[in-house]
C-alpha atoms as a PDB file:
ATOM      1  CA  MET A   1      56.187  33.359  18.276  1.00  0.00           C
ATOM      2  CA  PRO A   2      55.558  32.419  21.934  1.00  0.00           C
ATOM      3  CA  VAL A   3      55.799  28.719  22.675  1.00  0.00           C
ATOM      4  CA  PRO A   4      52.309  27.493  23.572  1.00  0.00           C
ATOM      5  CA  ALA A   5      51.824  25.503  26.761  1.00  0.00           C
ATOM      6  CA  PRO A   6      51.676  21.881  25.615  1.00  0.00           C
ATOM      7  CA  ALA A   7      49.108  19.389  26.805  1.00  0.00           C
ATOM      8  CA  VAL A   8      51.686  16.604  26.860  1.00  0.00           C
ATOM      9  CA  PRO A   9      52.432  16.815  30.607  1.00  0.00           C
ATOM     10  CA  ILE A  10      48.786  16.154  31.384  1.00  0.00           C
ATOM     11  CA  ARG A  11      48.689  13.099  29.141  1.00  0.00           C
ATOM     12  CA  THR A  12      51.954  11.866  30.608  1.00  0.00           C
ATOM     13  CA  SER A  13      50.585  12.220  34.117  1.00  0.00           C
ATOM     14  CA  LEU A  14      47.446  10.326  33.164  1.00  0.00           C
ATOM     15  CA  LEU A  15      49.547   7.592  31.567  1.00  0.00           C
ATOM     16  CA  ARG A  16      51.682   7.270  34.699  1.00  0.00           C
ATOM     17  CA  ASP A  17      48.616   6.944  36.908  1.00  0.00           C
ATOM     18  CA  THR A  18      46.964   4.488  34.522  1.00  0.00           C
ATOM     19  CA  VAL A  19      50.032   2.238  34.463  1.00  0.00           C
ATOM     20  CA  HIS A  20      50.215   2.332  38.253  1.00  0.00           C
ATOM     21  CA  ASP A  21      46.527   1.470  38.594  1.00  0.00           C
ATOM     22  CA  ARG A  22      46.763  -1.398  36.100  1.00  0.00           C
ATOM     23  CA  LEU A  23      49.738  -2.959  37.893  1.00  0.00           C
ATOM     24  CA  ARG A  24      48.177  -2.387  41.314  1.00  0.00           C
ATOM     25  CA  ASP A  25      44.966  -4.085  40.221  1.00  0.00           C
ATOM     26  CA  ALA A  26      46.910  -6.992  38.690  1.00  0.00           C
ATOM     27  CA  ILE A  27      48.596  -7.568  42.045  1.00  0.00           C
ATOM     28  CA  VAL A  28      45.377  -7.234  44.026  1.00  0.00           C
ATOM     29  CA  ASP A  29      43.425  -9.652  41.814  1.00  0.00           C
ATOM     30  CA  GLY A  30      46.272 -12.180  41.672  1.00  0.00           C
ATOM     31  CA  THR A  31      47.191 -11.794  37.997  1.00  0.00           C
ATOM     32  CA  LEU A  32      50.660 -10.980  39.310  1.00  0.00           C
ATOM     33  CA  ALA A  33      51.128 -13.545  42.069  1.00  0.00           C
ATOM     34  CA  PRO A  34      53.118 -13.243  45.311  1.00  0.00           C
ATOM     35  CA  GLY A  35      56.769 -14.014  44.713  1.00  0.00           C
ATOM     36  CA  GLU A  36      56.543 -13.449  40.975  1.00  0.00           C
ATOM     37  CA  VAL A  37      59.478 -11.568  39.436  1.00  0.00           C
ATOM     38  CA  VAL A  38      58.314  -8.411  37.635  1.00  0.00           C
ATOM     39  CA  ARG A  39      60.605  -6.859  35.022  1.00  0.00           C
ATOM     40  CA  ASP A  40      59.947  -3.386  33.690  1.00  0.00           C
ATOM     41  CA  THR A  41      60.627  -4.526  30.096  1.00  0.00           C
ATOM     42  CA  ASP A  42      58.063  -7.339  30.327  1.00  0.00           C
ATOM     43  CA  LEU A  43      55.466  -5.128  31.990  1.00  0.00           C
ATOM     44  CA  ALA A  44      56.026  -2.336  29.474  1.00  0.00           C
ATOM     45  CA  GLY A  45      55.449  -4.781  26.621  1.00  0.00           C
ATOM     46  CA  TRP A  46      52.335  -6.161  28.285  1.00  0.00           C
ATOM     47  CA  LEU A  47      50.844  -2.691  28.777  1.00  0.00           C
ATOM     48  CA  GLY A  48      52.115  -1.258  25.491  1.00  0.00           C
ATOM     49  CA  VAL A  49      53.994   1.621  27.091  1.00  0.00           C
ATOM     50  CA  SER A  50      57.596   2.689  27.588  1.00  0.00           C
ATOM     51  CA  ARG A  51      59.638   1.523  30.566  1.00  0.00           C
ATOM     52  CA  THR A  52      59.617   4.937  32.274  1.00  0.00           C
ATOM     53  CA  PRO A  53      55.998   4.942  33.590  1.00  0.00           C
ATOM     54  CA  VAL A  54      56.417   1.283  34.569  1.00  0.00           C
ATOM     55  CA  ARG A  55      59.496   2.075  36.636  1.00  0.00           C
ATOM     56  CA  GLU A  56      57.672   4.974  38.296  1.00  0.00           C
ATOM     57  CA  ALA A  57      54.709   2.721  39.033  1.00  0.00           C
ATOM     58  CA  LEU A  58      56.939   0.058  40.577  1.00  0.00           C
ATOM     59  CA  LEU A  59      58.469   2.675  42.864  1.00  0.00           C
ATOM     60  CA  ARG A  60      55.006   3.715  44.059  1.00  0.00           C
ATOM     61  CA  LEU A  61      53.965   0.093  44.503  1.00  0.00           C
ATOM     62  CA  GLY A  62      57.100  -0.446  46.556  1.00  0.00           C
ATOM     63  CA  GLU A  63      56.060   2.393  48.852  1.00  0.00           C
ATOM     64  CA  SER A  64      52.699   0.647  49.319  1.00  0.00           C
ATOM     65  CA  GLY A  65      54.431  -2.639  50.105  1.00  0.00           C
ATOM     66  CA  LEU A  66      52.985  -4.457  47.091  1.00  0.00           C
ATOM     67  CA  VAL A  67      56.378  -5.136  45.503  1.00  0.00           C
ATOM     68  CA  ARG A  68      59.810  -5.675  47.006  1.00  0.00           C
ATOM     69  CA  SER A  69      63.145  -4.797  45.501  1.00  0.00           C
ATOM     70  CA  ALA A  70      66.737  -4.298  46.596  1.00  0.00           C
ATOM     71  CA  PRO A  71      69.844  -2.965  44.837  1.00  0.00           C
ATOM     72  CA  GLY A  72      71.200  -5.585  42.478  1.00  0.00           C
ATOM     73  CA  ARG A  73      68.200  -7.879  42.976  1.00  0.00           C
ATOM     74  CA  SER A  74      65.022  -8.527  41.011  1.00  0.00           C
ATOM     75  CA  THR A  75      61.756  -6.781  41.829  1.00  0.00           C
ATOM     76  CA  VAL A  76      59.140  -9.265  42.996  1.00  0.00           C
ATOM     77  CA  VAL A  77      55.490  -9.132  43.970  1.00  0.00           C
ATOM     78  CA  ALA A  78      55.486  -9.050  47.759  1.00  0.00           C
ATOM     79  CA  ASP A  79      54.073 -11.893  49.778  1.00  0.00           C
ATOM     80  CA  ILE A  80      51.066 -11.012  51.891  1.00  0.00           C
ATOM     81  CA  ASP A  81      52.450  -9.859  55.238  1.00  0.00           C
ATOM     82  CA  LEU A  82      49.684 -10.215  57.820  1.00  0.00           C
ATOM     83  CA  SER A  83      51.212  -7.688  60.199  1.00  0.00           C
ATOM     84  CA  GLU A  84      51.327  -5.118  57.389  1.00  0.00           C
ATOM     85  CA  VAL A  85      47.737  -5.945  56.476  1.00  0.00           C
ATOM     86  CA  ARG A  86      46.635  -5.373  60.069  1.00  0.00           C
ATOM     87  CA  ASP A  87      48.444  -2.031  60.204  1.00  0.00           C
ATOM     88  CA  ALA A  88      47.017  -0.954  56.844  1.00  0.00           C
ATOM     89  CA  HIS A  89      43.533  -2.065  57.844  1.00  0.00           C
ATOM     90  CA  ALA A  90      43.610   0.064  60.998  1.00  0.00           C
ATOM     91  CA  VAL A  91      44.595   3.101  58.950  1.00  0.00           C
ATOM     92  CA  VAL A  92      41.990   2.456  56.234  1.00  0.00           C
ATOM     93  CA  ALA A  93      39.160   2.012  58.744  1.00  0.00           C
ATOM     94  CA  THR A  94      40.072   5.250  60.511  1.00  0.00           C
ATOM     95  CA  MET A  95      40.388   7.213  57.266  1.00  0.00           C
ATOM     96  CA  HIS A  96      36.962   6.078  56.057  1.00  0.00           C
ATOM     97  CA  ARG A  97      35.402   7.146  59.339  1.00  0.00           C
ATOM     98  CA  LEU A  98      37.016  10.561  58.915  1.00  0.00           C
ATOM     99  CA  ALA A  99      35.896  10.792  55.279  1.00  0.00           C
ATOM    100  CA  VAL A 100      32.279  10.170  56.216  1.00  0.00           C
ATOM    101  CA  ALA A 101      32.424  12.588  59.153  1.00  0.00           C
ATOM    102  CA  GLU A 102      33.663  15.331  56.841  1.00  0.00           C
ATOM    103  CA  ALA A 103      31.311  14.481  53.977  1.00  0.00           C
ATOM    104  CA  VAL A 104      27.939  14.070  55.692  1.00  0.00           C
ATOM    105  CA  VAL A 105      26.902  17.727  55.651  1.00  0.00           C
ATOM    106  CA  ARG A 106      28.019  18.098  52.019  1.00  0.00           C
ATOM    107  CA  LEU A 107      26.343  15.050  50.512  1.00  0.00           C
ATOM    108  CA  THR A 108      23.653  15.891  47.962  1.00  0.00           C
ATOM    109  CA  ALA A 109      20.647  13.837  46.961  1.00  0.00           C
ATOM    110  CA  ASP A 110      22.596  12.712  43.880  1.00  0.00           C
ATOM    111  CA  ASP A 111      25.490  11.594  46.081  1.00  0.00           C
ATOM    112  CA  LEU A 112      23.149   9.520  48.233  1.00  0.00           C
ATOM    113  CA  ASP A 113      21.651   7.978  45.093  1.00  0.00           C
ATOM    114  CA  ARG A 114      25.160   7.049  43.919  1.00  0.00           C
ATOM    115  CA  MET A 115      25.717   5.258  47.209  1.00  0.00           C
ATOM    116  CA  ARG A 116      22.396   3.424  46.952  1.00  0.00           C
ATOM    117  CA  LEU A 117      23.082   2.321  43.369  1.00  0.00           C
ATOM    118  CA  ALA A 118      26.564   1.126  44.308  1.00  0.00           C
ATOM    119  CA  ASN A 119      25.105  -0.897  47.166  1.00  0.00           C
ATOM    120  CA  GLU A 120      22.546  -2.431  44.814  1.00  0.00           C
ATOM    121  CA  ARG A 121      25.407  -3.556  42.565  1.00  0.00           C
ATOM    122  CA  PHE A 122      27.251  -4.803  45.627  1.00  0.00           C
ATOM    123  CA  THR A 123      24.208  -6.824  46.709  1.00  0.00           C
ATOM    124  CA  ALA A 124      23.788  -8.347  43.247  1.00  0.00           C
ATOM    125  CA  ALA A 125      27.471  -9.287  43.128  1.00  0.00           C
ATOM    126  CA  ILE A 126      27.265 -10.967  46.530  1.00  0.00           C
ATOM    127  CA  GLU A 127      24.245 -12.971  45.431  1.00  0.00           C
ATOM    128  CA  ALA A 128      26.116 -13.991  42.267  1.00  0.00           C
ATOM    129  CA  HIS A 129      29.234 -14.893  44.309  1.00  0.00           C
ATOM    130  CA  ASP A 130      31.244 -12.499  42.158  1.00  0.00           C
ATOM    131  CA  ALA A 131      33.994 -11.269  44.479  1.00  0.00           C
ATOM    132  CA  ASP A 132      35.618  -8.970  41.932  1.00  0.00           C
ATOM    133  CA  ALA A 133      32.350  -7.202  41.088  1.00  0.00           C
ATOM    134  CA  ALA A 134      31.510  -6.938  44.789  1.00  0.00           C
ATOM    135  CA  LEU A 135      34.816  -5.287  45.580  1.00  0.00           C
ATOM    136  CA  ARG A 136      34.433  -2.852  42.684  1.00  0.00           C
ATOM    137  CA  ALA A 137      30.946  -1.888  43.859  1.00  0.00           C
ATOM    138  CA  ASP A 138      32.159  -1.566  47.439  1.00  0.00           C
ATOM    139  CA  ASP A 139      34.962   0.723  46.298  1.00  0.00           C
ATOM    140  CA  ASP A 140      32.444   2.856  44.383  1.00  0.00           C
ATOM    141  CA  PHE A 141      30.172   3.035  47.434  1.00  0.00           C
ATOM    142  CA  HIS A 142      32.859   4.288  49.795  1.00  0.00           C
ATOM    143  CA  ALA A 143      34.457   6.526  47.178  1.00  0.00           C
ATOM    144  CA  VAL A 144      31.434   8.854  47.311  1.00  0.00           C
ATOM    145  CA  ALA A 145      32.223  10.058  50.823  1.00  0.00           C
ATOM    146  CA  VAL A 146      35.951  10.211  50.108  1.00  0.00           C
ATOM    147  CA  ASP A 147      35.368  12.368  47.024  1.00  0.00           C
ATOM    148  CA  VAL A 148      32.815  14.628  48.685  1.00  0.00           C
ATOM    149  CA  SER A 149      35.030  15.172  51.733  1.00  0.00           C
ATOM    150  CA  GLY A 150      37.524  16.934  49.462  1.00  0.00           C
ATOM    151  CA  ASN A 151      40.326  15.851  51.799  1.00  0.00           C
ATOM    152  CA  ARG A 152      43.274  15.164  49.487  1.00  0.00           C
ATOM    153  CA  ALA A 153      45.549  14.002  52.290  1.00  0.00           C
ATOM    154  CA  LEU A 154      42.971  11.430  53.331  1.00  0.00           C
ATOM    155  CA  ALA A 155      42.514  10.255  49.743  1.00  0.00           C
ATOM    156  CA  THR A 156      46.270   9.900  49.303  1.00  0.00           C
ATOM    157  CA  VAL A 157      46.569   7.721  52.405  1.00  0.00           C
ATOM    158  CA  LEU A 158      43.707   5.503  51.236  1.00  0.00           C
ATOM    159  CA  ASP A 159      45.225   5.226  47.766  1.00  0.00           C
ATOM    160  CA  GLN A 160      48.417   3.893  49.311  1.00  0.00           C
ATOM    161  CA  PHE A 161      47.037   1.484  51.893  1.00  0.00           C
ATOM    162  CA  SER A 162      43.658   0.273  50.569  1.00  0.00           C
ATOM    163  CA  PRO A 163      45.231  -2.128  48.012  1.00  0.00           C
ATOM    164  CA  VAL A 164      47.102  -3.880  50.833  1.00  0.00           C
ATOM    165  CA  VAL A 165      43.786  -4.616  52.541  1.00  0.00           C
ATOM    166  CA  ARG A 166      41.859  -5.396  49.354  1.00  0.00           C
ATOM    167  CA  ARG A 167      44.499  -7.886  48.254  1.00  0.00           C
ATOM    168  CA  LEU A 168      43.893 -10.127  51.250  1.00  0.00           C
ATOM    169  CA  GLU A 169      40.173  -9.424  51.341  1.00  0.00           C
ATOM    170  CA  ARG A 170      39.774 -10.817  47.847  1.00  0.00           C
ATOM    171  CA  LEU A 171      41.630 -13.993  48.795  1.00  0.00           C
ATOM    172  CA  ARG A 172      39.642 -14.366  52.004  1.00  0.00           C
ATOM    173  CA  PHE A 173      36.312 -13.255  50.546  1.00  0.00           C
ATOM    174  CA  ALA A 174      33.538 -14.438  52.863  1.00  0.00           C
ATOM    175  CA  SER A 175      29.932 -14.184  51.767  1.00  0.00           C
ATOM    176  CA  HIS A 176      28.531 -13.909  55.308  1.00  0.00           C
ATOM    177  CA  ALA A 177      30.746 -10.928  56.100  1.00  0.00           C
ATOM    178  CA  ALA A 178      29.888  -9.317  52.781  1.00  0.00           C
ATOM    179  CA  ALA A 179      26.167  -9.854  53.360  1.00  0.00           C
ATOM    180  CA  GLU A 180      26.461  -8.008  56.652  1.00  0.00           C
ATOM    181  CA  SER A 181      28.146  -5.164  54.777  1.00  0.00           C
ATOM    182  CA  VAL A 182      25.001  -4.756  52.663  1.00  0.00           C
ATOM    183  CA  ALA A 183      22.988  -3.927  55.790  1.00  0.00           C
ATOM    184  CA  LEU A 184      25.722  -1.652  57.121  1.00  0.00           C
ATOM    185  CA  HIS A 185      25.811   0.195  53.807  1.00  0.00           C
ATOM    186  CA  GLU A 186      22.071   0.768  54.066  1.00  0.00           C
ATOM    187  CA  ARG A 187      22.447   2.083  57.610  1.00  0.00           C
ATOM    188  CA  LEU A 188      25.244   4.369  56.490  1.00  0.00           C
ATOM    189  CA  VAL A 189      23.107   5.895  53.742  1.00  0.00           C
ATOM    190  CA  GLU A 190      20.257   6.406  56.218  1.00  0.00           C
ATOM    191  CA  ALA A 191      22.545   8.144  58.718  1.00  0.00           C
ATOM    192  CA  CYS A 192      23.998  10.337  55.991  1.00  0.00           C
ATOM    193  CA  ALA A 193      20.548  11.253  54.729  1.00  0.00           C
ATOM    194  CA  ALA A 194      19.605  12.224  58.296  1.00  0.00           C
ATOM    195  CA  ARG A 195      22.782  14.359  58.548  1.00  0.00           C
ATOM    196  CA  ASP A 196      23.755  12.414  61.674  1.00  0.00           C
ATOM    197  CA  VAL A 197      27.523  12.874  61.599  1.00  0.00           C
ATOM    198  CA  ASP A 198      28.340  10.758  64.652  1.00  0.00           C
ATOM    199  CA  ALA A 199      26.128   7.837  63.647  1.00  0.00           C
ATOM    200  CA  ALA A 200      27.339   7.860  60.048  1.00  0.00           C
ATOM    201  CA  ALA A 201      30.996   7.967  61.069  1.00  0.00           C
ATOM    202  CA  GLU A 202      30.507   5.101  63.501  1.00  0.00           C
ATOM    203  CA  VAL A 203      28.735   2.921  60.928  1.00  0.00           C
ATOM    204  CA  ALA A 204      31.471   3.642  58.393  1.00  0.00           C
ATOM    205  CA  PHE A 205      34.113   2.587  60.893  1.00  0.00           C
ATOM    206  CA  ARG A 206      32.215  -0.568  61.829  1.00  0.00           C
ATOM    207  CA  THR A 207      31.833  -1.504  58.162  1.00  0.00           C
ATOM    208  CA  TRP A 208      35.595  -1.534  57.750  1.00  0.00           C
ATOM    209  CA  GLN A 209      36.334  -2.859  61.229  1.00  0.00           C
ATOM    210  CA  ASN A 210      34.330  -5.996  60.417  1.00  0.00           C
ATOM    211  CA  LEU A 211      36.973  -6.836  57.850  1.00  0.00           C
ATOM    212  CA  ALA A 212      39.382  -7.535  60.709  1.00  0.00           C
ATOM    213  CA  ASP A 213      37.758 -10.962  61.000  1.00  0.00           C
ATOM    214  CA  LEU A 214      38.989 -11.724  57.477  1.00  0.00           C
ATOM    215  CA  ILE A 215      42.615 -11.264  58.513  1.00  0.00           C
ATOM    216  CA  PRO A 216      43.943 -14.674  59.601  1.00  0.00           C
ATOM    217  CA  GLU A 217      46.261 -15.232  62.502  1.00  0.00           C
ATOM    218  CA  PRO A 218      49.956 -14.834  61.624  1.00  0.00           C
ATOM    219  CA  ASP A 219      50.561 -18.580  61.609  1.00  0.00           C
ATOM    220  CA  SER A 220      47.815 -19.297  59.072  1.00  0.00           C
ATOM    221  CA  HIS A 221      47.976 -18.933  55.312  1.00  0.00           C
ATOM    222  CA  PRO A 222      45.372 -17.224  53.097  1.00  0.00           C
ATOM    223  CA  GLN A 223      43.835 -19.494  50.521  1.00  0.00           C
ATOM    224  CA  GLU A 224      41.655 -18.838  47.522  1.00  0.00           C
ATOM    225  CA  THR A 225      37.993 -19.112  48.424  1.00  0.00           C
ATOM    226  CA  PRO A 226      36.233 -21.552  46.065  1.00  0.00           C
END
């Protein structure tokens, strides 16, 4: 009988992405701290998976600059390199402007509602001083335009470089900057609803450009915000 096409490759792919996302998030939120040695056997045991998807995830994280490794040496969580953060931030801000510019004419009423609801969650998280919840809501807000744009190349670039920016942003979380983002989010939704491509793209860029103030000078050291 003909060999049926198995579903295993799909599950394997999902597992690989899930492992990558879990490790990425652990680095961004500080569970895996800068300078910490990460061993594939330990991580595999922690996540309850084999070593193969962990190794693949570490390779991807190395490409993003979140881990460092060299032949014959241990893999470690990378320190926060401010020059790399600045470079990544410039790319992320530009990609989000492009995403919005491409998405504006395609956004539906449901898409706009998703953005409004995400901003409501963002506002509530800011008021509760919950940085993690605020960042999750902010990601959900901006993900609408990225998804609707349908630009896979853009999404791939953001997937690689956004964690570099988010990692420092969480450490340097500033309520006044986040509060300003609430108003910018509202303006972005209004511009999108009006189908004003130029205005929406500019607001999107400004929203991310404001994060530049959170990047300290090279001779300073990021500290956890109380």
